[in-house]
Amino acid sequence: MIEIKDLLLKFQNLLSLGEAQKDTIRSVISEAIGVQIKSEDITIKNGTIYLNIKPVYKNEILLKKEKIFNKLEELLGKKSPQGFR
């Protein structure tokens, strides 16, 4: 029988993994375009990064998309997201 504390521990590990991913994405994007993005403005769903930022910054990210994804793949490996929205 699985105890509730074991299930909660699994969810806690998943949440901390998501936050670590967001921090990595935030730092890579900040390094690439020179603009700080808040972790709250980043959402990851089904391998796609959703950014709640100004369109000007999104355009800059799209211009440097290949560089950003190469760095993310280097840092996150198989768990790196595959697209932006």
PDB file of N, CA and C in Angstrom:
ATOM      1  N   MET A   1       0.844  -1.184   0.000  1.00  0.00           N
ATOM      2  CA  MET A   1       0.000   0.000   0.000  1.00  0.00           C
ATOM      3  C   MET A   1       0.888   1.246   0.000  1.00  0.00           C
ATOM      4  N   ILE A   2       0.576   2.192  -0.856  1.00  0.00           N
ATOM      5  CA  ILE A   2       1.355   3.416  -0.966  1.00  0.00           C
ATOM      6  C   ILE A   2       0.819   4.442   0.025  1.00  0.00           C
ATOM      7  N   GLU A   3       1.737   5.013   0.781  1.00  0.00           N
ATOM      8  CA  GLU A   3       1.341   6.021   1.751  1.00  0.00           C
ATOM      9  C   GLU A   3       1.270   7.393   1.084  1.00  0.00           C
ATOM     10  N   ILE A   4       0.486   8.251   1.669  1.00  0.00           N
ATOM     11  CA  ILE A   4       0.291   9.598   1.130  1.00  0.00           C
ATOM     12  C   ILE A   4       1.601  10.367   1.106  1.00  0.00           C
ATOM     13  N   LYS A   5       2.423  10.184   2.119  1.00  0.00           N
ATOM     14  CA  LYS A   5       3.684  10.926   2.168  1.00  0.00           C
ATOM     15  C   LYS A   5       4.586  10.544   0.998  1.00  0.00           C
ATOM     16  N   ASP A   6       4.535   9.281   0.553  1.00  0.00           N
ATOM     17  CA  ASP A   6       5.331   8.866  -0.600  1.00  0.00           C
ATOM     18  C   ASP A   6       4.849   9.543  -1.877  1.00  0.00           C
ATOM     19  N   LEU A   7       3.534   9.640  -2.048  1.00  0.00           N
ATOM     20  CA  LEU A   7       2.979  10.326  -3.213  1.00  0.00           C
ATOM     21  C   LEU A   7       3.327  11.810  -3.204  1.00  0.00           C
ATOM     22  N   LEU A   8       3.228  12.434  -2.046  1.00  0.00           N
ATOM     23  CA  LEU A   8       3.555  13.847  -1.933  1.00  0.00           C
ATOM     24  C   LEU A   8       5.040  14.094  -2.219  1.00  0.00           C
ATOM     25  N   LEU A   9       5.882  13.180  -1.809  1.00  0.00           N
ATOM     26  CA  LEU A   9       7.310  13.299  -2.074  1.00  0.00           C
ATOM     27  C   LEU A   9       7.580  13.234  -3.574  1.00  0.00           C
ATOM     28  N   LYS A  10       6.873  12.361  -4.291  1.00  0.00           N
ATOM     29  CA  LYS A  10       7.028  12.278  -5.744  1.00  0.00           C
ATOM     30  C   LYS A  10       6.620  13.591  -6.403  1.00  0.00           C
ATOM     31  N   PHE A  11       5.489  14.164  -5.966  1.00  0.00           N
ATOM     32  CA  PHE A  11       5.048  15.435  -6.528  1.00  0.00           C
ATOM     33  C   PHE A  11       6.026  16.556  -6.203  1.00  0.00           C
ATOM     34  N   GLN A  12       6.593  16.537  -5.021  1.00  0.00           N
ATOM     35  CA  GLN A  12       7.560  17.557  -4.641  1.00  0.00           C
ATOM     36  C   GLN A  12       8.791  17.474  -5.541  1.00  0.00           C
ATOM     37  N   ASN A  13       9.239  16.266  -5.837  1.00  0.00           N
ATOM     38  CA  ASN A  13      10.394  16.092  -6.722  1.00  0.00           C
ATOM     39  C   ASN A  13      10.084  16.594  -8.124  1.00  0.00           C
ATOM     40  N   LEU A  14       8.884  16.320  -8.621  1.00  0.00           N
ATOM     41  CA  LEU A  14       8.495  16.796  -9.954  1.00  0.00           C
ATOM     42  C   LEU A  14       8.430  18.320 -10.001  1.00  0.00           C
ATOM     43  N   LEU A  15       7.889  18.929  -8.956  1.00  0.00           N
ATOM     44  CA  LEU A  15       7.791  20.384  -8.918  1.00  0.00           C
ATOM     45  C   LEU A  15       9.163  21.031  -8.857  1.00  0.00           C
ATOM     46  N   SER A  16      10.064  20.476  -8.066  1.00  0.00           N
ATOM     47  CA  SER A  16      11.397  21.064  -7.971  1.00  0.00           C
ATOM     48  C   SER A  16      12.156  20.884  -9.278  1.00  0.00           C
ATOM     49  N   LEU A  17      11.916  19.777  -9.990  1.00  0.00           N
ATOM     50  CA  LEU A  17      12.530  19.564 -11.296  1.00  0.00           C
ATOM     51  C   LEU A  17      12.035  20.609 -12.288  1.00  0.00           C
ATOM     52  N   GLY A  18      10.739  20.907 -12.258  1.00  0.00           N
ATOM     53  CA  GLY A  18      10.167  21.928 -13.130  1.00  0.00           C
ATOM     54  C   GLY A  18      10.741  23.305 -12.849  1.00  0.00           C
ATOM     55  N   GLU A  19      10.936  23.639 -11.597  1.00  0.00           N
ATOM     56  CA  GLU A  19      11.509  24.926 -11.223  1.00  0.00           C
ATOM     57  C   GLU A  19      12.967  25.010 -11.665  1.00  0.00           C
ATOM     58  N   ALA A  20      13.694  23.921 -11.535  1.00  0.00           N
ATOM     59  CA  ALA A  20      15.090  23.910 -11.987  1.00  0.00           C
ATOM     60  C   ALA A  20      15.159  24.098 -13.498  1.00  0.00           C
ATOM     61  N   GLN A  21      14.233  23.473 -14.224  1.00  0.00           N
ATOM     62  CA  GLN A  21      14.168  23.636 -15.677  1.00  0.00           C
ATOM     63  C   GLN A  21      13.880  25.091 -16.031  1.00  0.00           C
ATOM     64  N   LYS A  22      12.933  25.695 -15.342  1.00  0.00           N
ATOM     65  CA  LYS A  22      12.587  27.093 -15.599  1.00  0.00           C
ATOM     66  C   LYS A  22      13.784  28.011 -15.340  1.00  0.00           C
ATOM     67  N   ASP A  23      14.511  27.761 -14.255  1.00  0.00           N
ATOM     68  CA  ASP A  23      15.677  28.582 -13.941  1.00  0.00           C
ATOM     69  C   ASP A  23      16.748  28.451 -15.017  1.00  0.00           C
ATOM     70  N   THR A  24      16.950  27.233 -15.514  1.00  0.00           N
ATOM     71  CA  THR A  24      17.925  27.014 -16.581  1.00  0.00           C
ATOM     72  C   THR A  24      17.501  27.736 -17.848  1.00  0.00           C
ATOM     73  N   ILE A  25      16.235  27.612 -18.212  1.00  0.00           N
ATOM     74  CA  ILE A  25      15.708  28.280 -19.404  1.00  0.00           C
ATOM     75  C   ILE A  25      15.846  29.791 -19.264  1.00  0.00           C
ATOM     76  N   ARG A  26      15.497  30.290 -18.097  1.00  0.00           N
ATOM     77  CA  ARG A  26      15.580  31.730 -17.836  1.00  0.00           C
ATOM     78  C   ARG A  26      17.010  32.238 -17.989  1.00  0.00           C
ATOM     79  N   SER A  27      17.966  31.513 -17.447  1.00  0.00           N
ATOM     80  CA  SER A  27      19.361  31.960 -17.524  1.00  0.00           C
ATOM     81  C   SER A  27      19.905  31.878 -18.949  1.00  0.00           C
ATOM     82  N   VAL A  28      19.535  30.837 -19.690  1.00  0.00           N
ATOM     83  CA  VAL A  28      19.999  30.704 -21.077  1.00  0.00           C
ATOM     84  C   VAL A  28      19.425  31.819 -21.951  1.00  0.00           C
ATOM     85  N   ILE A  29      18.141  32.108 -21.790  1.00  0.00           N
ATOM     86  CA  ILE A  29      17.518  33.180 -22.575  1.00  0.00           C
ATOM     87  C   ILE A  29      18.115  34.533 -22.191  1.00  0.00           C
ATOM     88  N   SER A  30      18.311  34.757 -20.909  1.00  0.00           N
ATOM     89  CA  SER A  30      18.895  36.023 -20.457  1.00  0.00           C
ATOM     90  C   SER A  30      20.295  36.215 -21.023  1.00  0.00           C
ATOM     91  N   GLU A  31      21.058  35.133 -21.071  1.00  0.00           N
ATOM     92  CA  GLU A  31      22.409  35.189 -21.632  1.00  0.00           C
ATOM     93  C   GLU A  31      22.362  35.474 -23.134  1.00  0.00           C
ATOM     94  N   ALA A  32      21.397  34.890 -23.825  1.00  0.00           N
ATOM     95  CA  ALA A  32      21.313  35.029 -25.283  1.00  0.00           C
ATOM     96  C   ALA A  32      20.834  36.411 -25.720  1.00  0.00           C
ATOM     97  N   ILE A  33      19.832  36.962 -25.034  1.00  0.00           N
ATOM     98  CA  ILE A  33      19.253  38.233 -25.497  1.00  0.00           C
ATOM     99  C   ILE A  33      19.546  39.410 -24.570  1.00  0.00           C
ATOM    100  N   GLY A  34      20.092  39.143 -23.399  1.00  0.00           N
ATOM    101  CA  GLY A  34      20.457  40.227 -22.493  1.00  0.00           C
ATOM    102  C   GLY A  34      19.308  40.840 -21.725  1.00  0.00           C
ATOM    103  N   VAL A  35      18.189  40.133 -21.596  1.00  0.00           N
ATOM    104  CA  VAL A  35      17.016  40.631 -20.868  1.00  0.00           C
ATOM    105  C   VAL A  35      16.644  39.616 -19.792  1.00  0.00           C
ATOM    106  N   GLN A  36      16.377  40.103 -18.597  1.00  0.00           N
ATOM    107  CA  GLN A  36      15.975  39.221 -17.506  1.00  0.00           C
ATOM    108  C   GLN A  36      14.492  38.873 -17.633  1.00  0.00           C
ATOM    109  N   ILE A  37      14.185  37.578 -17.515  1.00  0.00           N
ATOM    110  CA  ILE A  37      12.812  37.096 -17.563  1.00  0.00           C
ATOM    111  C   ILE A  37      12.496  36.463 -16.216  1.00  0.00           C
ATOM    112  N   LYS A  38      11.312  36.725 -15.692  1.00  0.00           N
ATOM    113  CA  LYS A  38      10.898  36.144 -14.416  1.00  0.00           C
ATOM    114  C   LYS A  38      10.497  34.685 -14.612  1.00  0.00           C
ATOM    115  N   SER A  39      10.718  33.873 -13.598  1.00  0.00           N
ATOM    116  CA  SER A  39      10.323  32.458 -13.664  1.00  0.00           C
ATOM    117  C   SER A  39       8.820  32.307 -13.812  1.00  0.00           C
ATOM    118  N   GLU A  40       8.055  33.261 -13.267  1.00  0.00           N
ATOM    119  CA  GLU A  40       6.601  33.195 -13.363  1.00  0.00           C
ATOM    120  C   GLU A  40       6.111  33.377 -14.801  1.00  0.00           C
ATOM    121  N   ASP A  41       6.951  33.983 -15.644  1.00  0.00           N
ATOM    122  CA  ASP A  41       6.576  34.230 -17.039  1.00  0.00           C
ATOM    123  C   ASP A  41       6.890  33.052 -17.957  1.00  0.00           C
ATOM    124  N   ILE A  42       7.397  31.961 -17.389  1.00  0.00           N
ATOM    125  CA  ILE A  42       7.747  30.780 -18.170  1.00  0.00           C
ATOM    126  C   ILE A  42       6.855  29.619 -17.762  1.00  0.00           C
ATOM    127  N   THR A  43       6.243  28.977 -18.749  1.00  0.00           N
ATOM    128  CA  THR A  43       5.441  27.780 -18.524  1.00  0.00           C
ATOM    129  C   THR A  43       5.916  26.719 -19.513  1.00  0.00           C
ATOM    130  N   ILE A  44       6.010  25.474 -19.043  1.00  0.00           N
ATOM    131  CA  ILE A  44       6.423  24.377 -19.911  1.00  0.00           C
ATOM    132  C   ILE A  44       5.299  23.355 -19.951  1.00  0.00           C
ATOM    133  N   LYS A  45       4.790  23.095 -21.156  1.00  0.00           N
ATOM    134  CA  LYS A  45       3.728  22.099 -21.343  1.00  0.00           C
ATOM    135  C   LYS A  45       4.056  21.252 -22.559  1.00  0.00           C
ATOM    136  N   ASN A  46       4.054  19.957 -22.391  1.00  0.00           N
ATOM    137  CA  ASN A  46       4.267  19.015 -23.494  1.00  0.00           C
ATOM    138  C   ASN A  46       5.515  19.333 -24.314  1.00  0.00           C
ATOM    139  N   GLY A  47       6.589  19.708 -23.649  1.00  0.00           N
ATOM    140  CA  GLY A  47       7.843  19.970 -24.342  1.00  0.00           C
ATOM    141  C   GLY A  47       7.911  21.306 -25.058  1.00  0.00           C
ATOM    142  N   THR A  48       6.957  22.197 -24.801  1.00  0.00           N
ATOM    143  CA  THR A  48       6.940  23.518 -25.426  1.00  0.00           C
ATOM    144  C   THR A  48       7.052  24.584 -24.339  1.00  0.00           C
ATOM    145  N   ILE A  49       7.870  25.584 -24.597  1.00  0.00           N
ATOM    146  CA  ILE A  49       8.048  26.693 -23.665  1.00  0.00           C
ATOM    147  C   ILE A  49       7.068  27.802 -24.044  1.00  0.00           C
ATOM    148  N   TYR A  50       6.253  28.216 -23.102  1.00  0.00           N
ATOM    149  CA  TYR A  50       5.333  29.338 -23.298  1.00  0.00           C
ATOM    150  C   TYR A  50       5.874  30.519 -22.501  1.00  0.00           C
ATOM    151  N   LEU A  51       6.069  31.648 -23.179  1.00  0.00           N
ATOM    152  CA  LEU A  51       6.611  32.835 -22.542  1.00  0.00           C
ATOM    153  C   LEU A  51       5.569  33.934 -22.505  1.00  0.00           C
ATOM    154  N   ASN A  52       5.395  34.520 -21.342  1.00  0.00           N
ATOM    155  CA  ASN A  52       4.467  35.630 -21.163  1.00  0.00           C
ATOM    156  C   ASN A  52       5.297  36.915 -21.073  1.00  0.00           C
ATOM    157  N   ILE A  53       5.866  37.309 -22.226  1.00  0.00           N
ATOM    158  CA  ILE A  53       6.733  38.478 -22.274  1.00  0.00           C
ATOM    159  C   ILE A  53       6.336  39.347 -23.470  1.00  0.00           C
ATOM    160  N   LYS A  54       6.971  40.504 -23.581  1.00  0.00           N
ATOM    161  CA  LYS A  54       6.680  41.439 -24.666  1.00  0.00           C
ATOM    162  C   LYS A  54       7.062  40.823 -26.010  1.00  0.00           C
ATOM    163  N   PRO A  55       6.280  41.124 -27.053  1.00  0.00           N
ATOM    164  CA  PRO A  55       6.567  40.585 -28.393  1.00  0.00           C
ATOM    165  C   PRO A  55       7.969  40.924 -28.917  1.00  0.00           C
ATOM    166  N   VAL A  56       8.500  42.071 -28.527  1.00  0.00           N
ATOM    167  CA  VAL A  56       9.847  42.455 -28.961  1.00  0.00           C
ATOM    168  C   VAL A  56      10.871  41.430 -28.475  1.00  0.00           C
ATOM    169  N   TYR A  57      10.723  40.987 -27.238  1.00  0.00           N
ATOM    170  CA  TYR A  57      11.645  40.004 -26.681  1.00  0.00           C
ATOM    171  C   TYR A  57      11.438  38.639 -27.329  1.00  0.00           C
ATOM    172  N   LYS A  58      10.184  38.309 -27.632  1.00  0.00           N
ATOM    173  CA  LYS A  58       9.903  37.032 -28.306  1.00  0.00           C
ATOM    174  C   LYS A  58      10.565  36.992 -29.677  1.00  0.00           C
ATOM    175  N   ASN A  59      10.516  38.111 -30.400  1.00  0.00           N
ATOM    176  CA  ASN A  59      11.163  38.169 -31.708  1.00  0.00           C
ATOM    177  C   ASN A  59      12.666  37.968 -31.589  1.00  0.00           C
ATOM    178  N   GLU A  60      13.259  38.591 -30.605  1.00  0.00           N
ATOM    179  CA  GLU A  60      14.696  38.435 -30.379  1.00  0.00           C
ATOM    180  C   GLU A  60      15.041  36.983 -30.062  1.00  0.00           C
ATOM    181  N   ILE A  61      14.192  36.343 -29.271  1.00  0.00           N
ATOM    182  CA  ILE A  61      14.406  34.930 -28.932  1.00  0.00           C
ATOM    183  C   ILE A  61      14.288  34.066 -30.179  1.00  0.00           C
ATOM    184  N   LEU A  62      13.307  34.338 -31.021  1.00  0.00           N
ATOM    185  CA  LEU A  62      13.136  33.564 -32.248  1.00  0.00           C
ATOM    186  C   LEU A  62      14.326  33.721 -33.186  1.00  0.00           C
ATOM    187  N   LEU A  63      14.935  34.907 -33.207  1.00  0.00           N
ATOM    188  CA  LEU A  63      16.120  35.111 -34.032  1.00  0.00           C
ATOM    189  C   LEU A  63      17.299  34.273 -33.544  1.00  0.00           C
ATOM    190  N   LYS A  64      17.361  34.048 -32.246  1.00  0.00           N
ATOM    191  CA  LYS A  64      18.472  33.291 -31.653  1.00  0.00           C
ATOM    192  C   LYS A  64      18.027  31.911 -31.174  1.00  0.00           C
ATOM    193  N   LYS A  65      16.935  31.432 -31.741  1.00  0.00           N
ATOM    194  CA  LYS A  65      16.311  30.173 -31.328  1.00  0.00           C
ATOM    195  C   LYS A  65      17.282  28.991 -31.365  1.00  0.00           C
ATOM    196  N   GLU A  66      18.022  28.849 -32.437  1.00  0.00           N
ATOM    197  CA  GLU A  66      18.932  27.709 -32.584  1.00  0.00           C
ATOM    198  C   GLU A  66      20.011  27.720 -31.500  1.00  0.00           C
ATOM    199  N   LYS A  67      20.573  28.878 -31.241  1.00  0.00           N
ATOM    200  CA  LYS A  67      21.602  29.008 -30.210  1.00  0.00           C
ATOM    201  C   LYS A  67      21.030  28.647 -28.837  1.00  0.00           C
ATOM    202  N   ILE A  68      19.815  29.128 -28.556  1.00  0.00           N
ATOM    203  CA  ILE A  68      19.171  28.879 -27.269  1.00  0.00           C
ATOM    204  C   ILE A  68      18.896  27.386 -27.090  1.00  0.00           C
ATOM    205  N   PHE A  69      18.328  26.739 -28.116  1.00  0.00           N
ATOM    206  CA  PHE A  69      18.010  25.314 -27.998  1.00  0.00           C
ATOM    207  C   PHE A  69      19.258  24.443 -27.909  1.00  0.00           C
ATOM    208  N   ASN A  70      20.330  24.836 -28.598  1.00  0.00           N
ATOM    209  CA  ASN A  70      21.578  24.080 -28.476  1.00  0.00           C
ATOM    210  C   ASN A  70      22.109  24.142 -27.052  1.00  0.00           C
ATOM    211  N   LYS A  71      22.050  25.315 -26.453  1.00  0.00           N
ATOM    212  CA  LYS A  71      22.520  25.474 -25.069  1.00  0.00           C
ATOM    213  C   LYS A  71      21.611  24.718 -24.096  1.00  0.00           C
ATOM    214  N   LEU A  72      20.293  24.770 -24.309  1.00  0.00           N
ATOM    215  CA  LEU A  72      19.362  24.040 -23.448  1.00  0.00           C
ATOM    216  C   LEU A  72      19.588  22.533 -23.551  1.00  0.00           C
ATOM    217  N   GLU A  73      19.817  22.050 -24.758  1.00  0.00           N
ATOM    218  CA  GLU A  73      20.059  20.622 -24.952  1.00  0.00           C
ATOM    219  C   GLU A  73      21.351  20.198 -24.263  1.00  0.00           C
ATOM    220  N   GLU A  74      22.338  21.077 -24.296  1.00  0.00           N
ATOM    221  CA  GLU A  74      23.609  20.806 -23.631  1.00  0.00           C
ATOM    222  C   GLU A  74      23.430  20.724 -22.117  1.00  0.00           C
ATOM    223  N   LEU A  75      22.619  21.628 -21.562  1.00  0.00           N
ATOM    224  CA  LEU A  75      22.440  21.693 -20.105  1.00  0.00           C
ATOM    225  C   LEU A  75      21.400  20.701 -19.578  1.00  0.00           C
ATOM    226  N   LEU A  76      20.304  20.513 -20.300  1.00  0.00           N
ATOM    227  CA  LEU A  76      19.208  19.682 -19.807  1.00  0.00           C
ATOM    228  C   LEU A  76      19.171  18.284 -20.411  1.00  0.00           C
ATOM    229  N   GLY A  77      19.867  18.074 -21.501  1.00  0.00           N
ATOM    230  CA  GLY A  77      19.874  16.758 -22.148  1.00  0.00           C
ATOM    231  C   GLY A  77      18.535  16.419 -22.752  1.00  0.00           C
ATOM    232  N   LYS A  78      18.078  15.200 -22.510  1.00  0.00           N
ATOM    233  CA  LYS A  78      16.828  14.715 -23.093  1.00  0.00           C
ATOM    234  C   LYS A  78      15.597  15.461 -22.577  1.00  0.00           C
ATOM    235  N   LYS A  79      15.709  16.100 -21.430  1.00  0.00           N
ATOM    236  CA  LYS A  79      14.557  16.783 -20.844  1.00  0.00           C
ATOM    237  C   LYS A  79      14.413  18.221 -21.335  1.00  0.00           C
ATOM    238  N   SER A  80      15.190  18.601 -22.347  1.00  0.00           N
ATOM    239  CA  SER A  80      15.072  19.970 -22.842  1.00  0.00           C
ATOM    240  C   SER A  80      13.823  20.129 -23.698  1.00  0.00           C
ATOM    241  N   PRO A  81      13.141  21.275 -23.572  1.00  0.00           N
ATOM    242  CA  PRO A  81      11.953  21.541 -24.389  1.00  0.00           C
ATOM    243  C   PRO A  81      12.309  21.609 -25.876  1.00  0.00           C
ATOM    244  N   GLN A  82      11.315  21.427 -26.721  1.00  0.00           N
ATOM    245  CA  GLN A  82      11.564  21.367 -28.160  1.00  0.00           C
ATOM    246  C   GLN A  82      10.996  22.541 -28.946  1.00  0.00           C
ATOM    247  N   GLY A  83      10.272  23.450 -28.294  1.00  0.00           N
ATOM    248  CA  GLY A  83       9.686  24.564 -29.039  1.00  0.00           C
ATOM    249  C   GLY A  83       9.309  25.731 -28.161  1.00  0.00           C
ATOM    250  N   PHE A  84       9.050  26.878 -28.807  1.00  0.00           N
ATOM    251  CA  PHE A  84       8.612  28.102 -28.145  1.00  0.00           C
ATOM    252  C   PHE A  84       7.215  28.459 -28.591  1.00  0.00           C
ATOM    253  N   ARG A  85       6.487  29.150 -27.741  1.00  0.00           N
ATOM    254  CA  ARG A  85       5.201  29.758 -28.107  1.00  0.00           C
ATOM    255  C   ARG A  85       5.066  31.024 -27.342  1.00  0.00           C
TER     256      ARG A  85
END
